[in-house]
Amino acid sequence: GNLLNLSSLMISFNGITGKIPDELADLSQLEILHLHGNRLQGTMPRLTSKGQTKSSFISDCGSPSEFDTPVDCPDCTMCCNSRQECDVTESQMDFGKWASIIFGAVVLALFL
């Protein structure tokens, strides 16, 4: 598409159905993507982590799901389920833990 500079796409709760488009991976400037509350299926393409916060990439990747298999989203920072309960994903919590460790090591190195 022609939306290569798109930085946010928030289309939650719009009743959108079908497969998640692979072309989302082409949106290299995307910092916020909210797809939860729709009826999308499939695998979310790999997304960049630029400016990532716990609410950057949200989809219906939680359980219980309205489908046999929830959306597969390895880069999602938050997963919602069919009850509209949303939780921060493990990878986002790991990112915060490692960021704190690296920041602490840099600060320590500056004082040595």
PDB file of N, CA and C in Angstrom:
ATOM      1  N   GLY A   1       0.784  -1.184   0.000  1.00  0.00           N
ATOM      2  CA  GLY A   1       0.000   0.000   0.000  1.00  0.00           C
ATOM      3  C   GLY A   1       0.832   1.257   0.000  1.00  0.00           C
ATOM      4  N   ASN A   2       0.153   2.354   0.102  1.00  0.00           N
ATOM      5  CA  ASN A   2       0.788   3.667   0.107  1.00  0.00           C
ATOM      6  C   ASN A   2       0.900   4.258   1.504  1.00  0.00           C
ATOM      7  N   LEU A   3       0.711   3.471   2.532  1.00  0.00           N
ATOM      8  CA  LEU A   3       0.717   3.990   3.897  1.00  0.00           C
ATOM      9  C   LEU A   3       2.018   3.672   4.623  1.00  0.00           C
ATOM     10  N   LEU A   4       3.138   3.713   3.937  1.00  0.00           N
ATOM     11  CA  LEU A   4       4.411   3.291   4.510  1.00  0.00           C
ATOM     12  C   LEU A   4       4.864   4.160   5.680  1.00  0.00           C
ATOM     13  N   ASN A   5       4.380   5.380   5.818  1.00  0.00           N
ATOM     14  CA  ASN A   5       4.754   6.255   6.930  1.00  0.00           C
ATOM     15  C   ASN A   5       3.747   6.227   8.073  1.00  0.00           C
ATOM     16  N   LEU A   6       2.776   5.336   7.994  1.00  0.00           N
ATOM     17  CA  LEU A   6       1.761   5.227   9.040  1.00  0.00           C
ATOM     18  C   LEU A   6       2.421   4.857  10.369  1.00  0.00           C
ATOM     19  N   SER A   7       2.147   5.627  11.423  1.00  0.00           N
ATOM     20  CA  SER A   7       2.761   5.344  12.722  1.00  0.00           C
ATOM     21  C   SER A   7       1.769   4.747  13.711  1.00  0.00           C
ATOM     22  N   SER A   8       0.472   4.949  13.538  1.00  0.00           N
ATOM     23  CA  SER A   8      -0.518   4.324  14.404  1.00  0.00           C
ATOM     24  C   SER A   8      -1.729   3.876  13.626  1.00  0.00           C
ATOM     25  N   LEU A   9      -2.210   2.702  14.034  1.00  0.00           N
ATOM     26  CA  LEU A   9      -3.409   2.132  13.431  1.00  0.00           C
ATOM     27  C   LEU A   9      -4.225   1.524  14.560  1.00  0.00           C
ATOM     28  N   MET A  10      -5.318   2.193  14.908  1.00  0.00           N
ATOM     29  CA  MET A  10      -6.170   1.739  16.008  1.00  0.00           C
ATOM     30  C   MET A  10      -7.563   1.459  15.454  1.00  0.00           C
ATOM     31  N   ILE A  11      -7.833   0.178  15.208  1.00  0.00           N
ATOM     32  CA  ILE A  11      -9.111  -0.210  14.612  1.00  0.00           C
ATOM     33  C   ILE A  11      -9.804  -1.262  15.481  1.00  0.00           C
ATOM     34  N   SER A  12      -9.672  -1.140  16.783  1.00  0.00           N
ATOM     35  CA  SER A  12     -10.286  -2.091  17.712  1.00  0.00           C
ATOM     36  C   SER A  12     -11.799  -1.935  17.721  1.00  0.00           C
ATOM     37  N   PHE A  13     -12.481  -3.046  18.000  1.00  0.00           N
ATOM     38  CA  PHE A  13     -13.935  -3.078  18.176  1.00  0.00           C
ATOM     39  C   PHE A  13     -14.698  -2.540  16.970  1.00  0.00           C
ATOM     40  N   ASN A  14     -14.313  -2.999  15.788  1.00  0.00           N
ATOM     41  CA  ASN A  14     -14.991  -2.581  14.564  1.00  0.00           C
ATOM     42  C   ASN A  14     -15.659  -3.730  13.829  1.00  0.00           C
ATOM     43  N   GLY A  15     -15.679  -4.916  14.413  1.00  0.00           N
ATOM     44  CA  GLY A  15     -16.322  -6.057  13.779  1.00  0.00           C
ATOM     45  C   GLY A  15     -15.613  -6.528  12.517  1.00  0.00           C
ATOM     46  N   ILE A  16     -14.319  -6.260  12.416  1.00  0.00           N
ATOM     47  CA  ILE A  16     -13.550  -6.658  11.236  1.00  0.00           C
ATOM     48  C   ILE A  16     -13.292  -8.160  11.291  1.00  0.00           C
ATOM     49  N   THR A  17     -13.518  -8.844  10.172  1.00  0.00           N
ATOM     50  CA  THR A  17     -13.320 -10.291  10.108  1.00  0.00           C
ATOM     51  C   THR A  17     -12.284 -10.627   9.042  1.00  0.00           C
ATOM     52  N   GLY A  18     -11.772 -11.841   9.116  1.00  0.00           N
ATOM     53  CA  GLY A  18     -10.854 -12.319   8.098  1.00  0.00           C
ATOM     54  C   GLY A  18      -9.460 -12.557   8.632  1.00  0.00           C
ATOM     55  N   LYS A  19      -8.534 -12.710   7.704  1.00  0.00           N
ATOM     56  CA  LYS A  19      -7.141 -13.007   8.027  1.00  0.00           C
ATOM     57  C   LYS A  19      -6.375 -11.702   8.247  1.00  0.00           C
ATOM     58  N   ILE A  20      -5.456 -11.734   9.187  1.00  0.00           N
ATOM     59  CA  ILE A  20      -4.595 -10.570   9.423  1.00  0.00           C
ATOM     60  C   ILE A  20      -3.684 -10.407   8.205  1.00  0.00           C
ATOM     61  N   PRO A  21      -3.662  -9.228   7.596  1.00  0.00           N
ATOM     62  CA  PRO A  21      -2.867  -9.048   6.376  1.00  0.00           C
ATOM     63  C   PRO A  21      -1.354  -9.070   6.644  1.00  0.00           C
ATOM     64  N   ASP A  22      -0.631  -9.814   5.834  1.00  0.00           N
ATOM     65  CA  ASP A  22       0.831  -9.881   5.937  1.00  0.00           C
ATOM     66  C   ASP A  22       1.479  -8.522   5.665  1.00  0.00           C
ATOM     67  N   GLU A  23       0.795  -7.678   4.926  1.00  0.00           N
ATOM     68  CA  GLU A  23       1.338  -6.376   4.552  1.00  0.00           C
ATOM     69  C   GLU A  23       1.578  -5.460   5.748  1.00  0.00           C
ATOM     70  N   LEU A  24       1.015  -5.788   6.918  1.00  0.00           N
ATOM     71  CA  LEU A  24       1.297  -4.974   8.102  1.00  0.00           C
ATOM     72  C   LEU A  24       2.793  -4.936   8.391  1.00  0.00           C
ATOM     73  N   ALA A  25       3.510  -5.977   8.014  1.00  0.00           N
ATOM     74  CA  ALA A  25       4.961  -6.021   8.225  1.00  0.00           C
ATOM     75  C   ALA A  25       5.687  -4.951   7.417  1.00  0.00           C
ATOM     76  N   ASP A  26       5.072  -4.432   6.359  1.00  0.00           N
ATOM     77  CA  ASP A  26       5.691  -3.403   5.524  1.00  0.00           C
ATOM     78  C   ASP A  26       5.622  -2.019   6.156  1.00  0.00           C
ATOM     79  N   LEU A  27       4.858  -1.875   7.227  1.00  0.00           N
ATOM     80  CA  LEU A  27       4.677  -0.573   7.874  1.00  0.00           C
ATOM     81  C   LEU A  27       5.798  -0.357   8.889  1.00  0.00           C
ATOM     82  N   SER A  28       6.969   0.008   8.407  1.00  0.00           N
ATOM     83  CA  SER A  28       8.162   0.103   9.251  1.00  0.00           C
ATOM     84  C   SER A  28       8.100   1.239  10.269  1.00  0.00           C
ATOM     85  N   GLN A  29       7.227   2.212  10.082  1.00  0.00           N
ATOM     86  CA  GLN A  29       7.102   3.329  11.017  1.00  0.00           C
ATOM     87  C   GLN A  29       6.031   3.084  12.088  1.00  0.00           C
ATOM     88  N   LEU A  30       5.366   1.932  12.015  1.00  0.00           N
ATOM     89  CA  LEU A  30       4.261   1.631  12.922  1.00  0.00           C
ATOM     90  C   LEU A  30       4.745   1.504  14.364  1.00  0.00           C
ATOM     91  N   GLU A  31       4.194   2.324  15.240  1.00  0.00           N
ATOM     92  CA  GLU A  31       4.537   2.292  16.658  1.00  0.00           C
ATOM     93  C   GLU A  31       3.362   1.841  17.508  1.00  0.00           C
ATOM     94  N   ILE A  32       2.143   2.014  17.003  1.00  0.00           N
ATOM     95  CA  ILE A  32       0.939   1.624  17.744  1.00  0.00           C
ATOM     96  C   ILE A  32       0.031   0.859  16.798  1.00  0.00           C
ATOM     97  N   LEU A  33      -0.353  -0.352  17.218  1.00  0.00           N
ATOM     98  CA  LEU A  33      -1.276  -1.175  16.434  1.00  0.00           C
ATOM     99  C   LEU A  33      -2.247  -1.833  17.393  1.00  0.00           C
ATOM    100  N   HIS A  34      -3.509  -1.455  17.319  1.00  0.00           N
ATOM    101  CA  HIS A  34      -4.559  -2.017  18.171  1.00  0.00           C
ATOM    102  C   HIS A  34      -5.591  -2.700  17.276  1.00  0.00           C
ATOM    103  N   LEU A  35      -5.639  -4.018  17.349  1.00  0.00           N
ATOM    104  CA  LEU A  35      -6.567  -4.794  16.522  1.00  0.00           C
ATOM    105  C   LEU A  35      -7.581  -5.575  17.350  1.00  0.00           C
ATOM    106  N   HIS A  36      -7.522  -5.495  18.662  1.00  0.00           N
ATOM    107  CA  HIS A  36      -8.360  -6.326  19.526  1.00  0.00           C
ATOM    108  C   HIS A  36      -9.846  -5.960  19.401  1.00  0.00           C
ATOM    109  N   GLY A  37     -10.675  -6.923  19.780  1.00  0.00           N
ATOM    110  CA  GLY A  37     -12.115  -6.708  19.738  1.00  0.00           C
ATOM    111  C   GLY A  37     -12.716  -6.885  18.354  1.00  0.00           C
ATOM    112  N   ASN A  38     -11.978  -7.491  17.444  1.00  0.00           N
ATOM    113  CA  ASN A  38     -12.478  -7.808  16.112  1.00  0.00           C
ATOM    114  C   ASN A  38     -12.537  -9.328  15.987  1.00  0.00           C
ATOM    115  N   ARG A  39     -12.747  -9.836  14.810  1.00  0.00           N
ATOM    116  CA  ARG A  39     -12.776 -11.292  14.593  1.00  0.00           C
ATOM    117  C   ARG A  39     -11.716 -11.670  13.562  1.00  0.00           C
ATOM    118  N   LEU A  40     -10.497 -11.194  13.811  1.00  0.00           N
ATOM    119  CA  LEU A  40      -9.384 -11.485  12.911  1.00  0.00           C
ATOM    120  C   LEU A  40      -8.730 -12.799  13.309  1.00  0.00           C
ATOM    121  N   GLN A  41      -8.179 -13.495  12.329  1.00  0.00           N
ATOM    122  CA  GLN A  41      -7.535 -14.782  12.566  1.00  0.00           C
ATOM    123  C   GLN A  41      -6.178 -14.819  11.899  1.00  0.00           C
ATOM    124  N   GLY A  42      -5.344 -15.751  12.360  1.00  0.00           N
ATOM    125  CA  GLY A  42      -4.060 -15.980  11.708  1.00  0.00           C
ATOM    126  C   GLY A  42      -2.890 -15.555  12.550  1.00  0.00           C
ATOM    127  N   THR A  43      -1.801 -15.243  11.867  1.00  0.00           N
ATOM    128  CA  THR A  43      -0.552 -14.866  12.509  1.00  0.00           C
ATOM    129  C   THR A  43      -0.240 -13.410  12.222  1.00  0.00           C
ATOM    130  N   MET A  44       0.083 -12.693  13.266  1.00  0.00           N
ATOM    131  CA  MET A  44       0.484 -11.297  13.116  1.00  0.00           C
ATOM    132  C   MET A  44       1.902 -11.268  12.566  1.00  0.00           C
ATOM    133  N   PRO A  45       2.170 -10.478  11.516  1.00  0.00           N
ATOM    134  CA  PRO A  45       3.541 -10.408  10.998  1.00  0.00           C
ATOM    135  C   PRO A  45       4.474  -9.775  12.026  1.00  0.00           C
ATOM    136  N   ARG A  46       5.770 -10.001  11.870  1.00  0.00           N
ATOM    137  CA  ARG A  46       6.768  -9.420  12.777  1.00  0.00           C
ATOM    138  C   ARG A  46       6.686  -7.905  12.693  1.00  0.00           C
ATOM    139  N   LEU A  47       6.702  -7.261  13.852  1.00  0.00           N
ATOM    140  CA  LEU A  47       6.581  -5.815  13.926  1.00  0.00           C
ATOM    141  C   LEU A  47       7.835  -5.229  14.561  1.00  0.00           C
ATOM    142  N   THR A  48       8.149  -3.985  14.250  1.00  0.00           N
ATOM    143  CA  THR A  48       9.312  -3.343  14.851  1.00  0.00           C
ATOM    144  C   THR A  48       9.034  -3.027  16.305  1.00  0.00           C
ATOM    145  N   SER A  49      10.078  -2.820  17.061  1.00  0.00           N
ATOM    146  CA  SER A  49       9.895  -2.520  18.482  1.00  0.00           C
ATOM    147  C   SER A  49      10.230  -1.076  18.805  1.00  0.00           C
ATOM    148  N   LYS A  50      10.327  -0.226  17.807  1.00  0.00           N
ATOM    149  CA  LYS A  50      10.651   1.188  18.010  1.00  0.00           C
ATOM    150  C   LYS A  50       9.578   1.855  18.868  1.00  0.00           C
ATOM    151  N   GLY A  51       9.989   2.459  19.965  1.00  0.00           N
ATOM    152  CA  GLY A  51       9.061   3.170  20.821  1.00  0.00           C
ATOM    153  C   GLY A  51       8.054   2.285  21.517  1.00  0.00           C
ATOM    154  N   GLN A  52       8.388   1.045  21.726  1.00  0.00           N
ATOM    155  CA  GLN A  52       7.436   0.066  22.255  1.00  0.00           C
ATOM    156  C   GLN A  52       7.095   0.310  23.730  1.00  0.00           C
ATOM    157  N   THR A  53       5.801   0.302  24.013  1.00  0.00           N
ATOM    158  CA  THR A  53       5.309   0.350  25.390  1.00  0.00           C
ATOM    159  C   THR A  53       4.392  -0.844  25.585  1.00  0.00           C
ATOM    160  N   LYS A  54       3.872  -0.997  26.796  1.00  0.00           N
ATOM    161  CA  LYS A  54       3.024  -2.171  27.047  1.00  0.00           C
ATOM    162  C   LYS A  54       1.725  -2.149  26.256  1.00  0.00           C
ATOM    163  N   SER A  55       1.342  -1.001  25.719  1.00  0.00           N
ATOM    164  CA  SER A  55       0.117  -0.955  24.920  1.00  0.00           C
ATOM    165  C   SER A  55       0.392  -0.650  23.444  1.00  0.00           C
ATOM    166  N   SER A  56       1.598  -0.957  22.969  1.00  0.00           N
ATOM    167  CA  SER A  56       1.931  -0.666  21.567  1.00  0.00           C
ATOM    168  C   SER A  56       1.200  -1.570  20.586  1.00  0.00           C
ATOM    169  N   PHE A  57       1.299  -2.895  20.803  1.00  0.00           N
ATOM    170  CA  PHE A  57       0.733  -3.860  19.858  1.00  0.00           C
ATOM    171  C   PHE A  57      -0.255  -4.757  20.593  1.00  0.00           C
ATOM    172  N   ILE A  58      -1.546  -4.540  20.364  1.00  0.00           N
ATOM    173  CA  ILE A  58      -2.590  -5.285  21.074  1.00  0.00           C
ATOM    174  C   ILE A  58      -3.442  -6.048  20.067  1.00  0.00           C
ATOM    175  N   SER A  59      -3.657  -7.344  20.333  1.00  0.00           N
ATOM    176  CA  SER A  59      -4.545  -8.136  19.478  1.00  0.00           C
ATOM    177  C   SER A  59      -5.268  -9.171  20.337  1.00  0.00           C
ATOM    178  N   ASP A  60      -6.126  -9.938  19.697  1.00  0.00           N
ATOM    179  CA  ASP A  60      -6.892 -10.988  20.380  1.00  0.00           C
ATOM    180  C   ASP A  60      -6.080 -12.278  20.418  1.00  0.00           C
ATOM    181  N   CYS A  61      -4.952 -12.250  21.133  1.00  0.00           N
ATOM    182  CA  CYS A  61      -4.062 -13.409  21.194  1.00  0.00           C
ATOM    183  C   CYS A  61      -4.171 -14.135  22.530  1.00  0.00           C
ATOM    184  N   GLY A  62      -5.147 -13.762  23.358  1.00  0.00           N
ATOM    185  CA  GLY A  62      -5.313 -14.397  24.668  1.00  0.00           C
ATOM    186  C   GLY A  62      -6.313 -15.534  24.648  1.00  0.00           C
ATOM    187  N   SER A  63      -6.357 -16.253  25.757  1.00  0.00           N
ATOM    188  CA  SER A  63      -7.320 -17.349  25.932  1.00  0.00           C
ATOM    189  C   SER A  63      -8.254 -16.995  27.070  1.00  0.00           C
ATOM    190  N   PRO A  64      -9.514 -17.361  27.002  1.00  0.00           N
ATOM    191  CA  PRO A  64     -10.165 -18.093  25.916  1.00  0.00           C
ATOM    192  C   PRO A  64     -10.367 -17.216  24.690  1.00  0.00           C
ATOM    193  N   SER A  65     -10.397 -17.879  23.551  1.00  0.00           N
ATOM    194  CA  SER A  65     -10.567 -17.203  22.272  1.00  0.00           C
ATOM    195  C   SER A  65     -11.910 -17.582  21.668  1.00  0.00           C
ATOM    196  N   GLU A  66     -12.416 -16.749  20.784  1.00  0.00           N
ATOM    197  CA  GLU A  66     -13.645 -17.087  20.069  1.00  0.00           C
ATOM    198  C   GLU A  66     -13.370 -18.135  18.999  1.00  0.00           C
ATOM    199  N   PHE A  67     -12.108 -18.408  18.726  1.00  0.00           N
ATOM    200  CA  PHE A  67     -11.706 -19.374  17.715  1.00  0.00           C
ATOM    201  C   PHE A  67     -10.996 -20.541  18.389  1.00  0.00           C
ATOM    202  N   ASP A  68     -10.803 -21.622  17.653  1.00  0.00           N
ATOM    203  CA  ASP A  68     -10.068 -22.768  18.183  1.00  0.00           C
ATOM    204  C   ASP A  68      -8.658 -22.372  18.590  1.00  0.00           C
ATOM    205  N   THR A  69      -8.058 -21.474  17.820  1.00  0.00           N
ATOM    206  CA  THR A  69      -6.710 -21.013  18.090  1.00  0.00           C
ATOM    207  C   THR A  69      -6.716 -19.492  18.132  1.00  0.00           C
ATOM    208  N   PRO A  70      -6.202 -18.892  19.228  1.00  0.00           N
ATOM    209  CA  PRO A  70      -6.124 -17.421  19.256  1.00  0.00           C
ATOM    210  C   PRO A  70      -5.164 -16.905  18.194  1.00  0.00           C
ATOM    211  N   VAL A  71      -5.203 -15.629  17.945  1.00  0.00           N
ATOM    212  CA  VAL A  71      -4.269 -14.990  17.020  1.00  0.00           C
ATOM    213  C   VAL A  71      -2.850 -15.288  17.506  1.00  0.00           C
ATOM    214  N   ASP A  72      -1.967 -15.655  16.591  1.00  0.00           N
ATOM    215  CA  ASP A  72      -0.566 -15.883  16.914  1.00  0.00           C
ATOM    216  C   ASP A  72       0.158 -14.555  16.748  1.00  0.00           C
ATOM    217  N   CYS A  73       0.672 -14.019  17.849  1.00  0.00           N
ATOM    218  CA  CYS A  73       1.280 -12.687  17.794  1.00  0.00           C
ATOM    219  C   CYS A  73       2.521 -12.639  18.680  1.00  0.00           C
ATOM    220  N   PRO A  74       3.664 -13.065  18.153  1.00  0.00           N
ATOM    221  CA  PRO A  74       4.880 -13.073  18.957  1.00  0.00           C
ATOM    222  C   PRO A  74       5.361 -11.684  19.372  1.00  0.00           C
ATOM    223  N   ASP A  75       5.017 -10.645  18.635  1.00  0.00           N
ATOM    224  CA  ASP A  75       5.460  -9.292  18.970  1.00  0.00           C
ATOM    225  C   ASP A  75       4.432  -8.482  19.746  1.00  0.00           C
ATOM    226  N   CYS A  76       3.260  -9.042  19.995  1.00  0.00           N
ATOM    227  CA  CYS A  76       2.244  -8.287  20.725  1.00  0.00           C
ATOM    228  C   CYS A  76       2.726  -7.979  22.142  1.00  0.00           C
ATOM    229  N   THR A  77       2.449  -6.771  22.574  1.00  0.00           N
ATOM    230  CA  THR A  77       2.814  -6.365  23.927  1.00  0.00           C
ATOM    231  C   THR A  77       1.673  -6.642  24.897  1.00  0.00           C
ATOM    232  N   MET A  78       0.466  -6.815  24.360  1.00  0.00           N
ATOM    233  CA  MET A  78      -0.695  -7.110  25.191  1.00  0.00           C
ATOM    234  C   MET A  78      -1.630  -8.023  24.415  1.00  0.00           C
ATOM    235  N   CYS A  79      -2.153  -9.042  25.082  1.00  0.00           N
ATOM    236  CA  CYS A  79      -3.096  -9.974  24.463  1.00  0.00           C
ATOM    237  C   CYS A  79      -4.438  -9.887  25.171  1.00  0.00           C
ATOM    238  N   CYS A  80      -5.509  -9.823  24.385  1.00  0.00           N
ATOM    239  CA  CYS A  80      -6.863  -9.789  24.921  1.00  0.00           C
ATOM    240  C   CYS A  80      -7.554 -11.105  24.587  1.00  0.00           C
ATOM    241  N   ASN A  81      -8.539 -11.478  25.425  1.00  0.00           N
ATOM    242  CA  ASN A  81      -9.278 -12.714  25.166  1.00  0.00           C
ATOM    243  C   ASN A  81     -10.729 -12.386  24.821  1.00  0.00           C
ATOM    244  N   SER A  82     -11.536 -13.424  24.665  1.00  0.00           N
ATOM    245  CA  SER A  82     -12.927 -13.234  24.243  1.00  0.00           C
ATOM    246  C   SER A  82     -13.772 -12.543  25.310  1.00  0.00           C
ATOM    247  N   ARG A  83     -13.276 -12.456  26.531  1.00  0.00           N
ATOM    248  CA  ARG A  83     -13.982 -11.730  27.608  1.00  0.00           C
ATOM    249  C   ARG A  83     -13.532 -10.272  27.692  1.00  0.00           C
ATOM    250  N   GLN A  84     -12.694  -9.848  26.711  1.00  0.00           N
ATOM    251  CA  GLN A  84     -12.125  -8.498  26.654  1.00  0.00           C
ATOM    252  C   GLN A  84     -11.223  -8.203  27.855  1.00  0.00           C
ATOM    253  N   GLU A  85     -10.607  -9.260  28.398  1.00  0.00           N
ATOM    254  CA  GLU A  85      -9.599  -9.109  29.441  1.00  0.00           C
ATOM    255  C   GLU A  85      -8.249  -9.068  28.740  1.00  0.00           C
ATOM    256  N   CYS A  86      -7.464  -8.053  29.032  1.00  0.00           N
ATOM    257  CA  CYS A  86      -6.182  -7.881  28.357  1.00  0.00           C
ATOM    258  C   CYS A  86      -5.043  -7.947  29.370  1.00  0.00           C
ATOM    259  N   ASP A  87      -3.983  -8.657  28.998  1.00  0.00           N
ATOM    260  CA  ASP A  87      -2.822  -8.820  29.863  1.00  0.00           C
ATOM    261  C   ASP A  87      -1.560  -8.510  29.080  1.00  0.00           C
ATOM    262  N   VAL A  88      -0.579  -7.927  29.782  1.00  0.00           N
ATOM    263  CA  VAL A  88       0.732  -7.689  29.187  1.00  0.00           C
ATOM    264  C   VAL A  88       1.367  -9.046  28.915  1.00  0.00           C
ATOM    265  N   THR A  89       1.983  -9.189  27.750  1.00  0.00           N
ATOM    266  CA  THR A  89       2.590 -10.467  27.386  1.00  0.00           C
ATOM    267  C   THR A  89       3.926 -10.649  28.085  1.00  0.00           C
ATOM    268  N   GLU A  90       4.374 -11.894  28.167  1.00  0.00           N
ATOM    269  CA  GLU A  90       5.646 -12.231  28.804  1.00  0.00           C
ATOM    270  C   GLU A  90       6.807 -11.497  28.157  1.00  0.00           C
ATOM    271  N   SER A  91       6.831 -11.414  26.822  1.00  0.00           N
ATOM    272  CA  SER A  91       7.970 -10.784  26.148  1.00  0.00           C
ATOM    273  C   SER A  91       8.094  -9.316  26.536  1.00  0.00           C
ATOM    274  N   GLN A  92       6.958  -8.631  26.750  1.00  0.00           N
ATOM    275  CA  GLN A  92       7.013  -7.229  27.164  1.00  0.00           C
ATOM    276  C   GLN A  92       7.568  -7.126  28.571  1.00  0.00           C
ATOM    277  N   MET A  93       7.196  -8.041  29.468  1.00  0.00           N
ATOM    278  CA  MET A  93       7.729  -8.008  30.824  1.00  0.00           C
ATOM    279  C   MET A  93       9.218  -8.308  30.802  1.00  0.00           C
ATOM    280  N   ASP A  94       9.657  -9.253  29.971  1.00  0.00           N
ATOM    281  CA  ASP A  94      11.078  -9.565  29.845  1.00  0.00           C
ATOM    282  C   ASP A  94      11.839  -8.364  29.315  1.00  0.00           C
ATOM    283  N   PHE A  95      11.264  -7.642  28.350  1.00  0.00           N
ATOM    284  CA  PHE A  95      11.904  -6.457  27.791  1.00  0.00           C
ATOM    285  C   PHE A  95      12.161  -5.436  28.891  1.00  0.00           C
ATOM    286  N   GLY A  96      11.184  -5.195  29.735  1.00  0.00           N
ATOM    287  CA  GLY A  96      11.341  -4.236  30.830  1.00  0.00           C
ATOM    288  C   GLY A  96      12.399  -4.672  31.816  1.00  0.00           C
ATOM    289  N   LYS A  97      12.438  -5.950  32.129  1.00  0.00           N
ATOM    290  CA  LYS A  97      13.434  -6.478  33.065  1.00  0.00           C
ATOM    291  C   LYS A  97      14.831  -6.294  32.494  1.00  0.00           C
ATOM    292  N   TRP A  98      15.026  -6.673  31.227  1.00  0.00           N
ATOM    293  CA  TRP A  98      16.346  -6.547  30.610  1.00  0.00           C
ATOM    294  C   TRP A  98      16.737  -5.089  30.417  1.00  0.00           C
ATOM    295  N   ALA A  99      15.793  -4.242  30.094  1.00  0.00           N
ATOM    296  CA  ALA A  99      16.096  -2.817  29.943  1.00  0.00           C
ATOM    297  C   ALA A  99      16.587  -2.241  31.265  1.00  0.00           C
ATOM    298  N   SER A 100      15.981  -2.643  32.376  1.00  0.00           N
ATOM    299  CA  SER A 100      16.406  -2.179  33.697  1.00  0.00           C
ATOM    300  C   SER A 100      17.808  -2.668  34.025  1.00  0.00           C
ATOM    301  N   ILE A 101      18.106  -3.915  33.703  1.00  0.00           N
ATOM    302  CA  ILE A 101      19.428  -4.479  33.970  1.00  0.00           C
ATOM    303  C   ILE A 101      20.490  -3.755  33.151  1.00  0.00           C
ATOM    304  N   ILE A 102      20.221  -3.532  31.876  1.00  0.00           N
ATOM    305  CA  ILE A 102      21.191  -2.851  31.009  1.00  0.00           C
ATOM    306  C   ILE A 102      21.390  -1.415  31.454  1.00  0.00           C
ATOM    307  N   PHE A 103      20.313  -0.732  31.789  1.00  0.00           N
ATOM    308  CA  PHE A 103      20.415   0.658  32.267  1.00  0.00           C
ATOM    309  C   PHE A 103      21.253   0.705  33.535  1.00  0.00           C
ATOM    310  N   GLY A 104      20.997  -0.207  34.465  1.00  0.00           N
ATOM    311  CA  GLY A 104      21.774  -0.255  35.710  1.00  0.00           C
ATOM    312  C   GLY A 104      23.253  -0.493  35.449  1.00  0.00           C
ATOM    313  N   ALA A 105      23.572  -1.395  34.516  1.00  0.00           N
ATOM    314  CA  ALA A 105      24.969  -1.688  34.188  1.00  0.00           C
ATOM    315  C   ALA A 105      25.657  -0.468  33.580  1.00  0.00           C
ATOM    316  N   VAL A 106      24.947   0.279  32.730  1.00  0.00           N
ATOM    317  CA  VAL A 106      25.522   1.483  32.123  1.00  0.00           C
ATOM    318  C   VAL A 106      25.801   2.542  33.189  1.00  0.00           C
ATOM    319  N   VAL A 107      24.852   2.744  34.093  1.00  0.00           N
ATOM    320  CA  VAL A 107      25.028   3.717  35.162  1.00  0.00           C
ATOM    321  C   VAL A 107      26.208   3.324  36.041  1.00  0.00           C
ATOM    322  N   LEU A 108      26.312   2.060  36.387  1.00  0.00           N
ATOM    323  CA  LEU A 108      27.415   1.551  37.201  1.00  0.00           C
ATOM    324  C   LEU A 108      28.748   1.770  36.495  1.00  0.00           C
ATOM    325  N   ALA A 109      28.797   1.489  35.190  1.00  0.00           N
ATOM    326  CA  ALA A 109      30.030   1.660  34.419  1.00  0.00           C
ATOM    327  C   ALA A 109      30.457   3.121  34.372  1.00  0.00           C
ATOM    328  N   LEU A 110      29.508   4.034  34.361  1.00  0.00           N
ATOM    329  CA  LEU A 110      29.837   5.457  34.341  1.00  0.00           C
ATOM    330  C   LEU A 110      30.490   5.914  35.636  1.00  0.00           C
ATOM    331  N   PHE A 111      30.147   5.280  36.735  1.00  0.00           N
ATOM    332  CA  PHE A 111      30.689   5.683  38.020  1.00  0.00           C
ATOM    333  C   PHE A 111      31.972   4.954  38.389  1.00  0.00           C
ATOM    334  N   LEU A 112      32.397   3.986  37.621  1.00  0.00           N
ATOM    335  CA  LEU A 112      33.628   3.246  37.923  1.00  0.00           C
ATOM    336  C   LEU A 112      34.831   3.857  37.266  1.00  0.00           C
TER     337      LEU A 112
END
